[in-house]
């Protein structure tokens, strides 16, 4: 089994192509975006291991930096402004809103069972 995602959707969210770790068949990719050298978002995907590492950092201060490691990932869905990582038992969503002078990020960790969905 592997992580289901559309490479073109991730390219639209990150505004760039991924970097491959090792050879293409290895299934490990890094997508990243930075905004005016203030914020960066990095997504490390291990397709066949079904693991994802999401890092959000700021050059403004370490209190604005965070990383989330998610295993048993089923799919990743992305559009221009939102990234949703669907795992077994949890969902992590990251929204970005590019303003004229800054980047607003919203990170949500959702437990589907808390809402009664399965």
C-alpha atoms as a PDB file:
ATOM      1  CA  UNK A   1       0.000   0.000   0.000  1.00  0.00           C
ATOM      2  CA  UNK A   2       1.109   3.587  -0.563  1.00  0.00           C
ATOM      3  CA  UNK A   3       0.001   7.197  -0.001  1.00  0.00           C
ATOM      4  CA  UNK A   4      -2.503   8.443  -2.565  1.00  0.00           C
ATOM      5  CA  UNK A   5      -1.792  12.005  -3.754  1.00  0.00           C
ATOM      6  CA  UNK A   6      -1.830  14.074  -6.926  1.00  0.00           C
ATOM      7  CA  UNK A   7       1.606  15.476  -7.697  1.00  0.00           C
ATOM      8  CA  UNK A   8       0.115  18.370  -9.683  1.00  0.00           C
ATOM      9  CA  UNK A   9      -2.050  19.437  -6.728  1.00  0.00           C
ATOM     10  CA  UNK A  10       0.989  19.454  -4.430  1.00  0.00           C
ATOM     11  CA  UNK A  11       2.936  21.474  -7.022  1.00  0.00           C
ATOM     12  CA  UNK A  12       0.126  24.081  -7.006  1.00  0.00           C
ATOM     13  CA  UNK A  13       0.178  24.298  -3.193  1.00  0.00           C
ATOM     14  CA  UNK A  14       3.976  24.487  -2.899  1.00  0.00           C
ATOM     15  CA  UNK A  15       4.469  26.449  -6.163  1.00  0.00           C
ATOM     16  CA  UNK A  16       7.324  24.124  -7.147  1.00  0.00           C
ATOM     17  CA  UNK A  17       8.233  20.580  -8.081  1.00  0.00           C
ATOM     18  CA  UNK A  18       9.386  18.134  -5.409  1.00  0.00           C
ATOM     19  CA  UNK A  19      12.929  17.069  -4.731  1.00  0.00           C
ATOM     20  CA  UNK A  20      13.432  13.318  -4.902  1.00  0.00           C
ATOM     21  CA  UNK A  21      15.315  11.592  -2.116  1.00  0.00           C
ATOM     22  CA  UNK A  22      17.317   8.838  -3.778  1.00  0.00           C
ATOM     23  CA  UNK A  23      15.860   7.439  -6.975  1.00  0.00           C
ATOM     24  CA  UNK A  24      12.304   8.070  -8.197  1.00  0.00           C
ATOM     25  CA  UNK A  25      11.224   4.475  -7.576  1.00  0.00           C
ATOM     26  CA  UNK A  26      12.102   4.873  -3.885  1.00  0.00           C
ATOM     27  CA  UNK A  27       8.975   6.978  -3.410  1.00  0.00           C
ATOM     28  CA  UNK A  28      10.468   9.627  -1.123  1.00  0.00           C
ATOM     29  CA  UNK A  29       9.846  13.277  -1.943  1.00  0.00           C
ATOM     30  CA  UNK A  30      10.285  16.698  -0.352  1.00  0.00           C
ATOM     31  CA  UNK A  31       7.995  19.580  -1.246  1.00  0.00           C
ATOM     32  CA  UNK A  32       8.756  23.034   0.150  1.00  0.00           C
ATOM     33  CA  UNK A  33       7.753  26.662  -0.056  1.00  0.00           C
ATOM     34  CA  UNK A  34       9.057  29.791   1.653  1.00  0.00           C
ATOM     35  CA  UNK A  35       7.533  33.227   1.776  1.00  0.00           C
ATOM     36  CA  UNK A  36       9.689  36.354   1.863  1.00  0.00           C
ATOM     37  CA  UNK A  37      12.258  34.464   3.972  1.00  0.00           C
ATOM     38  CA  UNK A  38       9.875  34.645   6.936  1.00  0.00           C
ATOM     39  CA  UNK A  39       7.982  31.359   6.819  1.00  0.00           C
ATOM     40  CA  UNK A  40       8.652  27.983   5.288  1.00  0.00           C
ATOM     41  CA  UNK A  41       6.567  24.856   4.876  1.00  0.00           C
ATOM     42  CA  UNK A  42       8.277  21.526   4.192  1.00  0.00           C
ATOM     43  CA  UNK A  43       6.494  18.258   3.488  1.00  0.00           C
ATOM     44  CA  UNK A  44       8.572  15.066   3.473  1.00  0.00           C
ATOM     45  CA  UNK A  45       6.660  12.122   1.987  1.00  0.00           C
ATOM     46  CA  UNK A  46       7.729   8.475   2.301  1.00  0.00           C
ATOM     47  CA  UNK A  47       5.166   6.996  -0.074  1.00  0.00           C
ATOM     48  CA  UNK A  48       5.649   3.276   0.500  1.00  0.00           C
ATOM     49  CA  UNK A  49       6.220   3.575   4.264  1.00  0.00           C
ATOM     50  CA  UNK A  50       3.047   5.727   4.436  1.00  0.00           C
ATOM     51  CA  UNK A  51       4.799   8.326   6.591  1.00  0.00           C
ATOM     52  CA  UNK A  52       4.757  12.106   6.329  1.00  0.00           C
ATOM     53  CA  UNK A  53       6.716  14.789   8.157  1.00  0.00           C
ATOM     54  CA  UNK A  54       5.195  18.281   7.971  1.00  0.00           C
ATOM     55  CA  UNK A  55       7.358  21.175   9.187  1.00  0.00           C
ATOM     56  CA  UNK A  56       6.307  24.796   9.470  1.00  0.00           C
ATOM     57  CA  UNK A  57       8.964  27.246  10.575  1.00  0.00           C
ATOM     58  CA  UNK A  58       9.537  30.955  10.913  1.00  0.00           C
ATOM     59  CA  UNK A  59      12.700  32.977  10.851  1.00  0.00           C
ATOM     60  CA  UNK A  60      10.946  35.428  13.183  1.00  0.00           C
ATOM     61  CA  UNK A  61      11.155  33.163  16.236  1.00  0.00           C
ATOM     62  CA  UNK A  62      11.304  29.528  17.265  1.00  0.00           C
ATOM     63  CA  UNK A  63       7.933  29.780  19.029  1.00  0.00           C
ATOM     64  CA  UNK A  64       6.362  29.848  15.570  1.00  0.00           C
ATOM     65  CA  UNK A  65       8.000  26.609  14.445  1.00  0.00           C
ATOM     66  CA  UNK A  66       6.327  23.220  14.528  1.00  0.00           C
ATOM     67  CA  UNK A  67       6.671  19.760  13.064  1.00  0.00           C
ATOM     68  CA  UNK A  68       4.228  16.888  12.906  1.00  0.00           C
ATOM     69  CA  UNK A  69       5.122  13.312  12.055  1.00  0.00           C
ATOM     70  CA  UNK A  70       2.192  11.278  10.780  1.00  0.00           C
ATOM     71  CA  UNK A  71       2.276   7.544  10.119  1.00  0.00           C
ATOM     72  CA  UNK A  72      -0.280   5.291   8.447  1.00  0.00           C
ATOM     73  CA  UNK A  73      -1.120   8.078   5.976  1.00  0.00           C
ATOM     74  CA  UNK A  74      -3.802   7.136   3.472  1.00  0.00           C
ATOM     75  CA  UNK A  75      -3.910  10.225   1.254  1.00  0.00           C
ATOM     76  CA  UNK A  76      -2.813  13.817   0.811  1.00  0.00           C
ATOM     77  CA  UNK A  77      -5.151  16.319  -0.810  1.00  0.00           C
ATOM     78  CA  UNK A  78      -4.018  19.791  -1.812  1.00  0.00           C
ATOM     79  CA  UNK A  79      -5.287  22.858  -3.590  1.00  0.00           C
ATOM     80  CA  UNK A  80      -3.724  26.289  -3.931  1.00  0.00           C
ATOM     81  CA  UNK A  81      -4.433  27.273  -0.318  1.00  0.00           C
ATOM     82  CA  UNK A  82      -4.997  24.090   1.709  1.00  0.00           C
ATOM     83  CA  UNK A  83      -3.153  20.852   2.388  1.00  0.00           C
ATOM     84  CA  UNK A  84      -4.997  17.953   4.034  1.00  0.00           C
ATOM     85  CA  UNK A  85      -3.197  14.832   5.261  1.00  0.00           C
ATOM     86  CA  UNK A  86      -5.570  11.937   5.918  1.00  0.00           C
ATOM     87  CA  UNK A  87      -4.222   9.296   8.273  1.00  0.00           C
ATOM     88  CA  UNK A  88      -5.789   6.301   9.916  1.00  0.00           C
ATOM     89  CA  UNK A  89      -7.568   7.873  12.879  1.00  0.00           C
ATOM     90  CA  UNK A  90      -6.612  11.520  12.302  1.00  0.00           C
ATOM     91  CA  UNK A  91      -6.579  14.354   9.814  1.00  0.00           C
ATOM     92  CA  UNK A  92      -4.097  17.229   9.696  1.00  0.00           C
ATOM     93  CA  UNK A  93      -5.013  20.319   7.689  1.00  0.00           C
ATOM     94  CA  UNK A  94      -2.790  23.290   6.858  1.00  0.00           C
ATOM     95  CA  UNK A  95      -4.213  26.428   5.270  1.00  0.00           C
ATOM     96  CA  UNK A  96      -2.091  29.212   3.847  1.00  0.00           C
ATOM     97  CA  UNK A  97      -3.318  32.683   3.014  1.00  0.00           C
ATOM     98  CA  UNK A  98      -0.855  34.847   1.137  1.00  0.00           C
ATOM     99  CA  UNK A  99      -1.506  38.474   1.970  1.00  0.00           C
ATOM    100  CA  UNK A 100       0.240  41.468   0.445  1.00  0.00           C
ATOM    101  CA  UNK A 101       2.713  41.780   3.303  1.00  0.00           C
ATOM    102  CA  UNK A 102       2.655  38.473   5.146  1.00  0.00           C
ATOM    103  CA  UNK A 103       1.647  34.825   5.160  1.00  0.00           C
ATOM    104  CA  UNK A 104      -1.051  33.537   7.492  1.00  0.00           C
ATOM    105  CA  UNK A 105      -0.906  29.841   8.373  1.00  0.00           C
ATOM    106  CA  UNK A 106      -3.559  27.812  10.130  1.00  0.00           C
ATOM    107  CA  UNK A 107      -2.742  24.288  11.269  1.00  0.00           C
ATOM    108  CA  UNK A 108      -5.526  22.018  12.502  1.00  0.00           C
ATOM    109  CA  UNK A 109      -5.280  18.514  13.888  1.00  0.00           C
ATOM    110  CA  UNK A 110      -8.663  16.807  13.656  1.00  0.00           C
ATOM    111  CA  UNK A 111      -9.749  13.607  15.315  1.00  0.00           C
ATOM    112  CA  UNK A 112     -12.552  12.188  13.144  1.00  0.00           C
ATOM    113  CA  UNK A 113     -13.840  10.006  15.997  1.00  0.00           C
ATOM    114  CA  UNK A 114     -14.402  13.096  18.168  1.00  0.00           C
ATOM    115  CA  UNK A 115     -16.905  14.297  15.574  1.00  0.00           C
ATOM    116  CA  UNK A 116     -18.631  10.928  15.309  1.00  0.00           C
ATOM    117  CA  UNK A 117     -17.276  10.159  11.834  1.00  0.00           C
ATOM    118  CA  UNK A 118     -15.335   7.024  10.997  1.00  0.00           C
END
